[in-house]
Every structure is written in C-alpha cells, then in structure tokens.
C-alpha cells in the first residue's frame, strides 16, 4: 500500500489573514511540501496540471524534475496529466526524460481535466474529450513501447518512422493510472490496457466511488488481466487534522467555507458526512481512511489533498507531521486486513523484475522446445 499526497496548486487567499501568495511563493511551497512528504515517510507526491489561474502547475515535469534532484525515495507523479490537450509525443518524451533523471521514480495519472476553456487554447474541442483521451493514449503507449512508430489518427498529423527520445528507462515505460471522477469510459480504458484506475474520491459519496471501482475491476478481469481483486486501484481523499477534533473543525471551517471548489455551498458538516472529507482528530482520520476498503476492497494507493483553499505552508507542514505520526498505524492496519494475493502498487523496480522474469521464462521455454524437437 502506497501513501502520498497530491496538490492542485491553487493560489488562493488565506481567508483568515487575507494574504494571497505570489506564484513564486506557491511554487516554492509545493516543492517544500513534496520534500516534507519524503521526510515524514510518505511514498508519493503528485502535482496537478493546470493552464489557467488561479493555478500554477502548468509544467509538471519541470517541477517534478526539480523535486527529483532534492529527494531520494519519493515517487513523483501527477494528479492529472492532460491526455486530451497535450500532444502524446510531448508527453512520451517529457516523462521519459523525467524517468531517466529520477532513476525510475515516476508514474503518472492520465486525465481529461475539469477546465473546459483549456481545450480551445490548445486547439481542441471539449466535445471530443473522450475520443481525444482514447486516441492520444493509444498513441502514447506505442511511442513508449515501439522504437519506430508509423501512425495516423484523427486529431494530430501522422507519424512516419518516428522515434520518441529519450527511450523509457530500462525499456520500461512509466506506470500509468487513469484518473476519473465520473466517466466509465475512462475506467474501461484503464481496464482494457491493464493499467491502474485512480478515483479522486473527494467530491462524491462512497456509493459512487464503489460503483466506478467495481466497474473497473469487472472489466479488468473481462480483458484477461487477472481477477477483479488483482486490479490496481488508487483513491484520493482529503483531511484536516488536529489533536482535538473541535480544534480541527474550528480552524478549518473558514478555509472550507471559502474554498474555490466547494466554498459557499454545503456546510462543512454536510460535506464531511457525504464525502470522504475528514476534519477531526488523528484517530478519526485513521478510522475514516480504513473504512474506504470496506466499499472498494483492497487497493494500492491512497493520496490525500491537504494544501488547498489558502492554507498557509506552515499549517500544511504541520498536517504532514501529523500524517507521518499516524502513517505506521495506517500501514499496519491495511496490511493486516489485506487479502492474500493482493498485488502491490507497481514501481519501476517491480515492472523491471517482471519484464526480466518474462524474458527468462521465454528463453527457458524456447530451449525446452528445441530440446524436444531434437529428441
């Protein structure tokens, strides 16, 4: 089980002080948060990709490359890589470069994003969102797995004898999760390829998350990748934690009430009861997080959003310290409840080992066949 955090990189005024960080402040804060994540023992840091205010992470690989140079173990990921408006050739090259620099500590989450105006900025039409996601990802897979690609599709110019450079590290492409909140077509895509499926899980009730994950698991098995329980699942989540529950609620309320996404809507209490948002004590965060398994089954990655809505860096770092304190309990409890045979989250090392084992098995089978013919 991997635990991590993700950031959407919003630049939001602190409602309690009125301070609005500069873009530089926010970018530097995201870097410090990632470094702190490694310090407290987390496995993953993921950044969003946005091309519109009030967000700053328009170039995820630039940020993750910098973080790679200042960390040693942290897996560097995205909470969304825009497969719809980015050229798959550029994605292939940018993330292979990052993978080489980070010694394989890279995976990414493909998504369509949630900002409609981005599409025309990059020469696309939002009405083609699903078709773009399907076609662009099909090309991206080939670019990472084939040294020379001939290709023709609907949404970009054809490729003839094209080689993306650099090639993936050790011939192993970064592992891909497909992120979606509401689109079964994306869960189907993840299942078709045997990739991971990440449900953001921060705005919707558990019943919706359960339906999406179950659909992905069933389709994963349908395509012959294994049993439903062997499908690779990730969840989002969010919390605000203090030693005493009442202190957490009192401190977080103004941030919730003024948040860009859900501010000025449902009350904190209503939103917390209807979604996975947990505002309370460390034990409450532990109990709520462990409950996710009850409706999605055993899963491989849990990522939390903790640096949004204008929360100051000092507060976010305190949240990470508290998360670090409960992390051993979360790891132990998830491990003790885990069903036998549940796969681990793929890493570059595990994918490389599996590739070598497959080659060795093929070699042994070939030798056995030759020997049989000789007899």
Protein backbone atom coordinates (compact mmCIF):
# COMPACT_ATOMS: atom_id res chain seq x y z
CA UNK A 1 0.00 0.00 0.00
CA UNK A 2 1.41 3.36 -1.04
CA UNK A 3 0.51 6.57 0.77
CA UNK A 4 1.03 10.00 -0.66
CA UNK A 5 -0.26 13.49 -1.19
CA UNK A 6 -1.35 15.43 -4.25
CA UNK A 7 -1.59 19.13 -4.92
CA UNK A 8 -3.77 21.03 -7.37
CA UNK A 9 -1.50 24.07 -6.98
CA UNK A 10 -4.21 26.68 -6.42
CA UNK A 11 -3.21 30.21 -5.47
CA UNK A 12 -5.97 31.10 -3.02
CA UNK A 13 -6.04 33.94 -0.45
CA UNK A 14 -5.92 32.84 3.17
CA UNK A 15 -9.43 33.78 4.37
CA UNK A 16 -8.20 34.30 7.94
CA UNK A 17 -5.43 36.78 7.09
CA UNK A 18 -6.19 37.97 3.55
CA UNK A 19 -2.67 37.04 2.43
CA UNK A 20 -2.52 35.82 -1.16
CA UNK A 21 0.78 34.11 -2.00
CA UNK A 22 2.61 35.08 -5.15
CA UNK A 23 3.02 32.48 -7.86
CA UNK A 24 6.65 32.09 -6.81
CA UNK A 25 5.62 31.54 -3.18
CA UNK A 26 3.11 28.90 -4.16
CA UNK A 27 5.51 27.06 -6.46
CA UNK A 28 8.22 27.06 -3.79
CA UNK A 29 5.66 25.90 -1.23
CA UNK A 30 4.71 22.91 -3.40
CA UNK A 31 8.38 21.92 -3.63
CA UNK A 32 8.80 22.17 0.14
CA UNK A 33 5.64 20.13 0.68
CA UNK A 34 6.99 17.37 -1.57
CA UNK A 35 10.30 17.34 0.30
CA UNK A 36 8.44 17.19 3.60
CA UNK A 37 6.39 14.26 2.30
CA UNK A 38 9.57 12.24 1.90
CA UNK A 39 10.83 13.36 5.32
CA UNK A 40 7.73 12.01 7.10
CA UNK A 41 7.85 8.69 5.24
CA UNK A 42 5.25 9.06 2.50
CA UNK A 43 5.69 7.21 -0.77
CA UNK A 44 4.26 9.57 -3.40
CA UNK A 45 3.96 13.23 -4.28
CA UNK A 46 1.71 14.18 -7.21
CA UNK A 47 1.13 17.55 -8.83
CA UNK A 48 -1.81 18.63 -10.92
CA UNK A 49 -1.58 20.19 -14.36
CA UNK A 50 -3.44 23.44 -14.98
CA UNK A 51 -3.10 26.19 -17.56
CA UNK A 52 -5.39 28.78 -16.04
CA UNK A 53 -5.46 31.00 -12.95
CA UNK A 54 -5.66 30.56 -10.01
CA UNK A 55 -3.41 27.52 -10.53
CA UNK A 56 0.37 27.46 -11.05
CA UNK A 57 1.49 23.93 -12.06
CA UNK A 58 1.41 24.32 -15.85
CA UNK A 59 4.64 22.34 -16.29
CA UNK A 60 4.55 19.23 -14.09
CA UNK A 61 7.77 17.70 -15.41
CA UNK A 62 9.72 20.88 -14.65
CA UNK A 63 8.52 20.85 -11.06
CA UNK A 64 8.93 17.10 -10.62
CA UNK A 65 12.41 17.20 -12.14
CA UNK A 66 13.45 19.78 -9.54
CA UNK A 67 11.90 17.71 -6.76
CA UNK A 68 13.65 14.60 -8.07
CA UNK A 69 17.00 16.31 -7.57
CA UNK A 70 16.19 17.11 -3.94
CA UNK A 71 14.69 13.76 -2.88
CA UNK A 72 15.86 10.15 -2.87
CA UNK A 73 12.92 7.78 -2.49
CA UNK A 74 9.76 9.71 -3.28
CA UNK A 75 7.73 8.52 -6.26
CA UNK A 76 6.97 11.51 -8.46
CA UNK A 77 3.56 11.50 -10.06
CA UNK A 78 0.78 13.67 -11.39
CA UNK A 79 -2.74 14.05 -10.14
CA UNK A 80 -3.67 14.74 -13.76
CA UNK A 81 -1.66 14.71 -16.95
CA UNK A 82 -3.91 16.19 -19.61
CA UNK A 83 -4.01 13.45 -22.22
CA UNK A 84 -6.63 15.42 -24.16
CA UNK A 85 -4.89 18.74 -24.79
CA UNK A 86 -1.24 17.68 -24.64
CA UNK A 87 0.44 16.16 -27.66
CA UNK A 88 1.13 12.49 -26.83
CA UNK A 89 4.54 12.83 -28.49
CA UNK A 90 5.46 15.53 -25.99
CA UNK A 91 4.10 13.50 -23.07
CA UNK A 92 6.15 10.49 -24.20
CA UNK A 93 9.37 12.47 -24.38
CA UNK A 94 8.87 14.67 -21.30
CA UNK A 95 8.06 11.82 -18.94
CA UNK A 96 10.73 9.52 -20.32
CA UNK A 97 13.22 12.33 -19.67
CA UNK A 98 11.89 12.75 -16.13
CA UNK A 99 12.01 8.99 -15.61
CA UNK A 100 15.67 8.90 -16.67
CA UNK A 101 16.60 11.80 -14.38
CA UNK A 102 14.67 10.39 -11.41
CA UNK A 103 16.10 6.85 -11.76
CA UNK A 104 12.65 5.43 -12.42
CA UNK A 105 10.79 7.14 -9.56
CA UNK A 106 7.99 8.24 -11.89
CA UNK A 107 4.43 7.30 -12.73
CA UNK A 108 1.54 9.44 -13.91
CA UNK A 109 -2.22 9.79 -13.87
CA UNK A 110 -3.91 10.40 -17.21
CA UNK A 111 -7.00 12.57 -17.14
CA UNK A 112 -9.16 14.95 -19.14
CA UNK A 113 -9.06 17.78 -16.61
CA UNK A 114 -12.04 19.78 -15.42
CA UNK A 115 -11.49 23.16 -17.10
CA UNK A 116 -13.43 23.46 -20.34
CA UNK A 117 -11.73 26.60 -21.76
CA UNK A 118 -8.36 24.79 -21.85
CA UNK A 119 -9.40 22.80 -24.92
CA UNK A 120 -9.52 25.66 -27.46
CA UNK A 121 -6.34 27.15 -26.01
CA UNK A 122 -4.59 24.03 -27.25
CA UNK A 123 -6.51 23.73 -30.50
CA UNK A 124 -9.03 21.13 -29.36
CA UNK A 125 -12.78 20.86 -28.81
CA UNK A 126 -14.10 19.73 -25.42
CA UNK A 127 -16.85 17.80 -27.21
CA UNK A 128 -14.09 15.43 -28.37
CA UNK A 129 -12.78 14.92 -24.82
CA UNK A 130 -13.38 11.17 -24.55
CA UNK A 131 -12.24 10.45 -28.11
CA UNK A 132 -9.09 12.51 -27.56
CA UNK A 133 -8.31 10.61 -24.37
CA UNK A 134 -8.70 7.27 -26.12
CA UNK A 135 -6.77 8.07 -29.29
CA UNK A 136 -3.95 10.03 -27.66
CA UNK A 137 -3.30 7.37 -25.06
CA UNK A 138 -3.27 4.61 -27.67
CA UNK A 139 -0.53 6.54 -29.47
CA UNK A 140 1.37 7.27 -26.27
CA UNK A 141 1.58 3.56 -25.43
CA UNK A 142 3.04 2.80 -28.84
CA UNK A 143 5.57 5.63 -28.56
CA UNK A 144 6.86 4.17 -25.29
CA UNK A 145 6.85 0.55 -26.43
CA UNK A 146 7.92 0.71 -30.08
CA UNK A 147 11.25 2.12 -31.23
CA UNK A 148 9.86 3.19 -34.60
CA UNK A 149 6.22 4.24 -34.97
CA UNK A 150 4.08 4.69 -38.07
CA UNK A 151 0.74 6.15 -37.05
CA UNK A 152 -2.27 8.02 -38.38
CA UNK A 153 -5.28 9.20 -36.42
CA UNK A 154 -7.99 11.84 -36.28
CA UNK A 155 -6.58 14.54 -34.02
CA UNK A 156 -2.93 15.12 -34.99
CA UNK A 157 -0.68 14.91 -38.00
CA UNK A 158 0.52 11.41 -38.99
CA UNK A 159 3.84 9.98 -37.87
CA UNK A 160 6.17 8.13 -40.23
CA UNK A 161 9.20 6.27 -38.93
CA UNK A 162 9.14 8.32 -35.72
CA UNK A 163 11.22 7.53 -32.62
CA UNK A 164 10.47 9.32 -29.36
CA UNK A 165 13.59 10.27 -27.40
CA UNK A 166 14.80 9.54 -24.84
CA UNK A 167 13.53 5.99 -24.64
CA UNK A 168 11.94 4.83 -21.36
CA UNK A 169 14.45 3.84 -18.68
CA UNK A 170 15.46 0.16 -18.98
CA UNK A 171 12.84 -0.20 -21.70
CA UNK A 172 10.09 0.08 -19.04
CA UNK A 173 7.54 2.87 -19.58
CA UNK A 174 6.26 4.75 -16.53
CA UNK A 175 3.28 3.05 -14.94
CA UNK A 176 0.02 4.76 -15.86
CA UNK A 177 -3.07 5.31 -13.77
CA UNK A 178 -6.22 6.61 -15.45
CA UNK A 179 -7.97 9.15 -13.29
CA UNK A 180 -11.67 9.84 -13.47
CA UNK A 181 -14.40 11.04 -11.19
CA UNK A 182 -17.45 10.19 -13.25
CA UNK A 183 -16.59 8.70 -16.69
CA UNK A 184 -16.98 4.93 -17.10
CA UNK A 185 -15.25 5.23 -20.49
CA UNK A 186 -12.01 6.07 -18.68
CA UNK A 187 -12.41 3.18 -16.25
CA UNK A 188 -12.98 0.98 -19.32
CA UNK A 189 -9.80 2.33 -20.91
CA UNK A 190 -7.76 1.54 -17.80
CA UNK A 191 -9.20 -1.97 -17.68
CA UNK A 192 -8.59 -2.61 -21.38
CA UNK A 193 -4.87 -1.95 -21.06
CA UNK A 194 -4.47 -3.49 -17.62
CA UNK A 195 -3.40 -0.10 -16.24
CA UNK A 196 -4.28 1.38 -12.87
CA UNK A 197 -7.51 3.25 -12.13
CA UNK A 198 -7.47 6.17 -9.71
CA UNK A 199 -10.75 7.55 -8.44
CA UNK A 200 -10.26 11.01 -7.00
CA UNK A 201 -12.89 10.30 -4.35
CA UNK A 202 -13.03 13.80 -2.86
CA UNK A 203 -16.33 15.19 -4.13
CA UNK A 204 -18.63 12.18 -4.44
CA UNK A 205 -20.35 9.86 -1.94
CA UNK A 206 -18.93 6.38 -1.27
CA UNK A 207 -21.67 4.70 -3.32
CA UNK A 208 -20.49 6.42 -6.48
CA UNK A 209 -16.86 5.53 -5.85
CA UNK A 210 -17.85 1.94 -5.18
CA UNK A 211 -19.73 1.69 -8.50
CA UNK A 212 -16.84 3.14 -10.51
CA UNK A 213 -14.21 0.91 -8.90
CA UNK A 214 -16.36 -2.21 -9.19
CA UNK A 215 -16.96 -1.50 -12.88
CA UNK A 216 -13.21 -1.13 -13.47
CA UNK A 217 -12.44 -4.35 -11.59
CA UNK A 218 -15.03 -6.31 -13.58
CA UNK A 219 -13.73 -5.01 -16.91
CA UNK A 220 -10.11 -5.63 -15.86
CA UNK A 221 -10.99 -9.29 -15.36
CA UNK A 222 -13.03 -9.34 -18.60
CA UNK A 223 -9.93 -8.38 -20.58
CA UNK A 224 -7.95 -11.22 -19.05
CA UNK A 225 -5.53 -9.30 -16.86
CA UNK A 226 -6.38 -11.24 -13.70
CA UNK A 227 -9.14 -11.47 -11.14
CA UNK A 228 -11.13 -8.37 -10.15
CA UNK A 229 -9.19 -8.35 -6.88
CA UNK A 230 -5.89 -8.08 -8.79
CA UNK A 231 -6.85 -4.82 -10.48
CA UNK A 232 -4.72 -1.81 -9.49
CA UNK A 233 -6.82 0.81 -7.69
CA UNK A 234 -5.95 4.19 -6.21
CA UNK A 235 -8.09 6.62 -4.23
CA UNK A 236 -7.94 10.29 -3.46
CA UNK A 237 -9.03 11.76 -0.16
CA UNK A 238 -8.71 14.85 1.99
CA UNK A 239 -8.44 15.67 5.66
CA UNK A 240 -7.63 18.37 8.15
CA UNK A 241 -6.25 17.09 11.42
CA UNK A 242 -5.56 18.45 14.88
CA UNK A 243 -5.02 16.68 18.20
CA UNK A 244 -8.55 17.58 19.24
CA UNK A 245 -11.44 17.23 16.82
CA UNK A 246 -13.07 20.51 17.85
CA UNK A 247 -9.83 22.39 17.15
CA UNK A 248 -9.64 20.90 13.66
CA UNK A 249 -13.22 21.90 12.85
CA UNK A 250 -12.81 25.42 14.22
CA UNK A 251 -9.54 26.04 12.35
CA UNK A 252 -10.54 24.51 9.02
CA UNK A 253 -14.05 25.96 8.76
CA UNK A 254 -13.11 29.35 7.23
CA UNK A 255 -10.93 27.61 4.64
CA UNK A 256 -13.73 25.21 3.74
CA UNK A 257 -16.33 27.96 3.59
CA UNK A 258 -14.25 29.99 1.13
CA UNK A 259 -12.62 27.20 -0.91
CA UNK A 260 -12.75 27.82 -4.69
CA UNK A 261 -14.43 24.47 -5.42
CA UNK A 262 -16.94 23.78 -2.64
CA UNK A 263 -16.99 27.08 -0.75
CA UNK A 264 -20.31 28.89 -0.29
CA UNK A 265 -22.10 25.56 -0.80
CA UNK A 266 -22.88 22.72 1.60
CA UNK A 267 -21.87 23.11 5.22
CA UNK A 268 -18.65 21.53 6.44
CA UNK A 269 -20.68 19.01 8.42
CA UNK A 270 -22.86 18.05 5.44
CA UNK A 271 -19.92 17.74 3.08
CA UNK A 272 -17.99 15.65 5.59
CA UNK A 273 -20.92 13.27 6.05
CA UNK A 274 -21.49 12.85 2.31
CA UNK A 275 -17.89 12.61 1.03
CA UNK A 276 -14.53 11.28 2.34
CA UNK A 277 -13.50 14.70 3.72
CA UNK A 278 -12.39 14.11 7.32
CA UNK A 279 -11.89 17.04 9.69
CA UNK A 280 -11.00 15.85 13.13
CA UNK A 281 -8.52 14.03 15.35
CA UNK A 282 -5.79 11.63 14.22
CA UNK A 283 -7.91 8.65 15.27
CA UNK A 284 -10.85 9.94 13.23
CA UNK A 285 -8.62 10.23 10.15
CA UNK A 286 -7.33 6.69 10.73
CA UNK A 287 -10.83 5.25 11.13
CA UNK A 288 -12.26 7.06 8.11
CA UNK A 289 -9.35 6.12 5.85
CA UNK A 290 -9.55 2.45 6.85
CA UNK A 291 -13.27 2.50 6.03
CA UNK A 292 -12.53 3.14 2.34
CA UNK A 293 -11.51 -0.51 1.99
CA UNK A 294 -15.00 -1.59 3.03
CA UNK A 295 -16.52 -0.36 -0.23
CA UNK A 296 -13.67 -0.56 -2.76
CA UNK A 297 -11.82 -3.65 -1.50
CA UNK A 298 -8.06 -3.87 -1.12
CA UNK A 299 -6.35 -1.13 -3.08
CA UNK A 300 -2.82 0.01 -3.83
CA UNK A 301 -2.51 3.77 -3.37
CA UNK A 302 -4.06 6.34 -1.06
CA UNK A 303 -3.37 10.01 -1.85
CA UNK A 304 -4.53 12.97 0.22
CA UNK A 305 -5.18 16.59 -0.74
CA UNK A 306 -4.01 18.79 2.12
CA UNK A 307 -2.59 22.03 0.69
CA UNK A 308 -5.56 23.79 -0.88
CA UNK A 309 -8.05 26.57 -0.13
CA UNK A 310 -5.44 29.09 1.05
CA UNK A 311 -3.96 27.01 3.88
CA UNK A 312 -0.58 28.54 4.76
CA UNK A 313 2.56 26.50 4.25
CA UNK A 314 3.23 26.30 8.00
CA UNK A 315 -0.16 24.66 8.53
CA UNK A 316 0.33 22.21 5.66
CA UNK A 317 3.70 21.13 7.06
CA UNK A 318 2.05 20.58 10.45
CA UNK A 319 -0.56 18.42 8.71
CA UNK A 320 2.24 16.37 7.18
CA UNK A 321 3.85 15.89 10.59
CA UNK A 322 0.56 14.55 11.93
CA UNK A 323 0.14 12.32 8.89
CA UNK A 324 3.64 10.99 9.48
CA UNK A 325 2.66 10.11 13.04
CA UNK A 326 -0.35 8.03 12.01
CA UNK A 327 1.32 6.54 8.92
CA UNK A 328 2.72 3.46 10.74
CA UNK A 329 -0.76 2.67 12.07
CA UNK A 330 -2.35 3.06 8.64
CA UNK A 331 0.30 0.83 7.06
CA UNK A 332 -0.07 -1.85 9.73
CA UNK A 333 -3.87 -1.84 9.72
CA UNK A 334 -4.17 -2.01 5.94
CA UNK A 335 -1.57 -4.78 5.82
CA UNK A 336 -3.34 -6.84 8.50
CA UNK A 337 -6.66 -6.64 6.64
CA UNK A 338 -5.24 -7.29 3.20
CA UNK A 339 -6.42 -10.43 1.43
CA UNK A 340 -3.73 -12.92 0.32
CA UNK A 341 -2.67 -12.44 -3.28
CA UNK A 342 -3.46 -8.73 -3.40
CA UNK A 343 -0.84 -7.13 -5.67
CA UNK A 344 1.39 -4.28 -4.61
CA UNK A 345 1.35 -0.97 -6.45
CA UNK A 346 3.66 -1.25 -9.47
CA UNK A 347 7.02 0.52 -9.30
CA UNK A 348 9.82 0.77 -11.82
CA UNK A 349 11.74 -1.90 -9.92
CA UNK A 350 8.82 -4.34 -9.85
CA UNK A 351 7.97 -3.77 -13.52
CA UNK A 352 11.61 -4.28 -14.49
CA UNK A 353 11.81 -7.50 -12.47
CA UNK A 354 8.62 -8.78 -14.08
CA UNK A 355 9.96 -7.98 -17.53
CA UNK A 356 13.22 -9.84 -16.85
CA UNK A 357 11.32 -12.83 -15.47
CA UNK A 358 9.15 -12.91 -18.59
CA UNK A 359 12.23 -12.88 -20.82
CA UNK A 360 13.85 -15.64 -18.79
CA UNK A 361 10.68 -17.75 -18.93
CA UNK A 362 10.50 -17.28 -22.69
CA UNK A 363 14.14 -18.28 -23.01
CA UNK A 364 13.63 -21.44 -20.95
CA UNK A 365 10.54 -22.34 -22.98
CA UNK A 366 12.49 -21.84 -26.21
CA UNK A 367 15.33 -24.09 -25.05
CA UNK A 368 12.82 -26.73 -23.93
CA UNK A 369 11.12 -26.63 -27.31
CA UNK A 370 14.42 -27.07 -29.16
CA UNK A 371 15.36 -29.97 -26.91
CA UNK A 372 12.01 -31.64 -27.52
CA UNK A 373 12.43 -31.33 -31.29
CA UNK A 374 15.96 -32.80 -31.04
CA UNK A 375 14.61 -35.87 -29.29
